[in-house]
Amino acid sequence: MELTMIYYLVPSLIMFSCGVYGFITRKNMIAMLISLELMLNAVDINFVVFNRYLFPGEMEGMFFTLFAIAIAAAETALAIAIIINVFRAAKNINAAELTKMKH
């Protein structure tokens, strides 16, 4: 039994939708970062699936996904460093409260 693209794209769509919902509804910056990572992982799944089904003998989608994972790891490390510095300054990581730091 061969699995078609829809078996991979539907979970990826659900993951991306959950990430968008979490990013929009959460005020905690750590939860927003986790939602962003969920969206990036869904996109990585799409890269691999489209590469596998459109160009079965090629590896560009796989390499692009590995590059995207490396960039996401660096982005996460930088975001956590920023969140730690914000917490040190404001004693809060609520995104809605960050406007108080301007004053």
C-alpha atoms as a PDB file:
ATOM      1  CA  MET A   1       0.000   0.000   0.000  1.00  0.00           C
ATOM      2  CA  GLU A   2       1.516   3.273  -1.095  1.00  0.00           C
ATOM      3  CA  LEU A   3       0.772   6.376   0.892  1.00  0.00           C
ATOM      4  CA  THR A   4      -0.191   9.428  -1.110  1.00  0.00           C
ATOM      5  CA  MET A   5       0.767  13.010  -0.370  1.00  0.00           C
ATOM      6  CA  ILE A   6      -2.491  13.723   1.428  1.00  0.00           C
ATOM      7  CA  TYR A   7      -1.482  11.440   4.320  1.00  0.00           C
ATOM      8  CA  TYR A   8       1.462  13.746   4.986  1.00  0.00           C
ATOM      9  CA  LEU A   9      -0.035  17.087   4.075  1.00  0.00           C
ATOM     10  CA  VAL A  10      -3.090  16.857   6.345  1.00  0.00           C
ATOM     11  CA  PRO A  11      -1.047  16.388   9.566  1.00  0.00           C
ATOM     12  CA  SER A  12       1.277  19.138   8.375  1.00  0.00           C
ATOM     13  CA  LEU A  13      -1.700  21.439   7.825  1.00  0.00           C
ATOM     14  CA  ILE A  14      -3.033  20.607  11.292  1.00  0.00           C
ATOM     15  CA  MET A  15       0.394  21.312  12.824  1.00  0.00           C
ATOM     16  CA  PHE A  16       0.674  24.630  11.011  1.00  0.00           C
ATOM     17  CA  SER A  17      -2.860  25.634  11.992  1.00  0.00           C
ATOM     18  CA  CYS A  18      -2.194  24.804  15.653  1.00  0.00           C
ATOM     19  CA  GLY A  19       0.991  26.871  15.477  1.00  0.00           C
ATOM     20  CA  VAL A  20      -0.806  29.881  14.001  1.00  0.00           C
ATOM     21  CA  TYR A  21      -3.585  29.600  16.588  1.00  0.00           C
ATOM     22  CA  GLY A  22      -1.071  29.316  19.422  1.00  0.00           C
ATOM     23  CA  PHE A  23       0.985  32.246  18.166  1.00  0.00           C
ATOM     24  CA  ILE A  24      -2.041  34.508  17.852  1.00  0.00           C
ATOM     25  CA  THR A  25      -3.753  33.572  21.128  1.00  0.00           C
ATOM     26  CA  ARG A  26      -0.817  33.270  23.538  1.00  0.00           C
ATOM     27  CA  LYS A  27       0.701  36.190  25.388  1.00  0.00           C
ATOM     28  CA  ASN A  28       3.618  34.307  26.936  1.00  0.00           C
ATOM     29  CA  MET A  29       6.699  34.695  24.755  1.00  0.00           C
ATOM     30  CA  ILE A  30       7.873  31.116  25.396  1.00  0.00           C
ATOM     31  CA  ALA A  31       4.499  29.759  24.212  1.00  0.00           C
ATOM     32  CA  MET A  32       4.713  32.021  21.170  1.00  0.00           C
ATOM     33  CA  LEU A  33       8.186  30.647  20.413  1.00  0.00           C
ATOM     34  CA  ILE A  34       6.939  27.063  20.700  1.00  0.00           C
ATOM     35  CA  SER A  35       4.071  27.882  18.323  1.00  0.00           C
ATOM     36  CA  LEU A  36       6.509  29.399  15.857  1.00  0.00           C
ATOM     37  CA  GLU A  37       8.659  26.261  15.994  1.00  0.00           C
ATOM     38  CA  LEU A  38       5.566  24.149  15.360  1.00  0.00           C
ATOM     39  CA  MET A  39       4.853  26.161  12.219  1.00  0.00           C
ATOM     40  CA  LEU A  40       8.458  25.786  11.042  1.00  0.00           C
ATOM     41  CA  ASN A  41       8.325  22.016  11.545  1.00  0.00           C
ATOM     42  CA  ALA A  42       5.127  21.808   9.504  1.00  0.00           C
ATOM     43  CA  VAL A  43       6.841  23.679   6.674  1.00  0.00           C
ATOM     44  CA  ASP A  44       9.824  21.318   6.887  1.00  0.00           C
ATOM     45  CA  ILE A  45       7.480  18.342   6.512  1.00  0.00           C
ATOM     46  CA  ASN A  46       6.025  19.976   3.394  1.00  0.00           C
ATOM     47  CA  PHE A  47       9.505  20.472   1.913  1.00  0.00           C
ATOM     48  CA  VAL A  48      10.323  16.803   2.352  1.00  0.00           C
ATOM     49  CA  VAL A  49       6.966  15.556   1.077  1.00  0.00           C
ATOM     50  CA  PHE A  50       6.957  17.704  -2.041  1.00  0.00           C
ATOM     51  CA  ASN A  51      10.553  16.752  -2.781  1.00  0.00           C
ATOM     52  CA  ARG A  52       9.757  13.060  -2.356  1.00  0.00           C
ATOM     53  CA  TYR A  53       6.712  13.067  -4.627  1.00  0.00           C
ATOM     54  CA  LEU A  54       7.685  15.654  -7.249  1.00  0.00           C
ATOM     55  CA  PHE A  55      11.391  14.798  -7.603  1.00  0.00           C
ATOM     56  CA  PRO A  56      11.853  11.264  -6.192  1.00  0.00           C
ATOM     57  CA  GLY A  57      15.524  10.905  -7.084  1.00  0.00           C
ATOM     58  CA  GLU A  58      16.649  14.336  -5.926  1.00  0.00           C
ATOM     59  CA  MET A  59      17.694  15.478  -2.456  1.00  0.00           C
ATOM     60  CA  GLU A  60      17.246  19.258  -2.626  1.00  0.00           C
ATOM     61  CA  GLY A  61      14.176  19.237  -0.385  1.00  0.00           C
ATOM     62  CA  MET A  62      15.999  17.173   2.226  1.00  0.00           C
ATOM     63  CA  PHE A  63      19.020  19.485   2.225  1.00  0.00           C
ATOM     64  CA  PHE A  64      16.813  22.558   2.364  1.00  0.00           C
ATOM     65  CA  THR A  65      14.989  21.044   5.342  1.00  0.00           C
ATOM     66  CA  LEU A  66      18.283  20.371   7.157  1.00  0.00           C
ATOM     67  CA  PHE A  67      19.313  23.973   6.493  1.00  0.00           C
ATOM     68  CA  ALA A  68      15.943  25.208   7.779  1.00  0.00           C
ATOM     69  CA  ILE A  69      16.313  23.115  10.943  1.00  0.00           C
ATOM     70  CA  ALA A  70      19.768  24.606  11.571  1.00  0.00           C
ATOM     71  CA  ILE A  71      18.431  28.136  11.078  1.00  0.00           C
ATOM     72  CA  ALA A  72      15.488  27.364  13.391  1.00  0.00           C
ATOM     73  CA  ALA A  73      17.885  26.144  16.098  1.00  0.00           C
ATOM     74  CA  ALA A  74      19.897  29.352  15.870  1.00  0.00           C
ATOM     75  CA  GLU A  75      16.707  31.417  15.880  1.00  0.00           C
ATOM     76  CA  THR A  76      15.475  29.587  18.984  1.00  0.00           C
ATOM     77  CA  ALA A  77      18.744  30.156  20.839  1.00  0.00           C
ATOM     78  CA  LEU A  78      18.658  33.859  20.000  1.00  0.00           C
ATOM     79  CA  ALA A  79      14.972  34.157  20.953  1.00  0.00           C
ATOM     80  CA  ILE A  80      15.557  32.473  24.317  1.00  0.00           C
ATOM     81  CA  ALA A  81      18.470  34.834  25.010  1.00  0.00           C
ATOM     82  CA  ILE A  82      16.232  37.814  24.217  1.00  0.00           C
ATOM     83  CA  ILE A  83      13.444  36.431  26.415  1.00  0.00           C
ATOM     84  CA  ILE A  84      15.890  35.968  29.320  1.00  0.00           C
ATOM     85  CA  ASN A  85      17.087  39.568  28.984  1.00  0.00           C
ATOM     86  CA  VAL A  86      13.511  40.835  28.817  1.00  0.00           C
ATOM     87  CA  PHE A  87      12.679  38.857  31.952  1.00  0.00           C
ATOM     88  CA  ARG A  88      15.680  40.327  33.760  1.00  0.00           C
ATOM     89  CA  ALA A  89      14.609  43.863  32.858  1.00  0.00           C
ATOM     90  CA  ALA A  90      10.831  43.608  33.232  1.00  0.00           C
ATOM     91  CA  LYS A  91      10.366  40.567  35.519  1.00  0.00           C
ATOM     92  CA  ASN A  92       7.678  39.431  33.085  1.00  0.00           C
ATOM     93  CA  ILE A  93       7.598  37.632  29.720  1.00  0.00           C
ATOM     94  CA  ASN A  94       4.073  38.596  28.789  1.00  0.00           C
ATOM     95  CA  ALA A  95       4.186  40.085  25.284  1.00  0.00           C
ATOM     96  CA  ALA A  96       1.345  42.511  26.021  1.00  0.00           C
ATOM     97  CA  GLU A  97       3.277  43.978  28.963  1.00  0.00           C
ATOM     98  CA  LEU A  98       6.398  44.806  26.949  1.00  0.00           C
ATOM     99  CA  THR A  99       5.141  48.249  26.014  1.00  0.00           C
ATOM    100  CA  LYS A 100       5.773  49.265  29.631  1.00  0.00           C
ATOM    101  CA  MET A 101       9.512  48.934  28.968  1.00  0.00           C
ATOM    102  CA  LYS A 102       9.345  51.914  26.591  1.00  0.00           C
ATOM    103  CA  HIS A 103       8.601  54.327  29.431  1.00  0.00           C
END
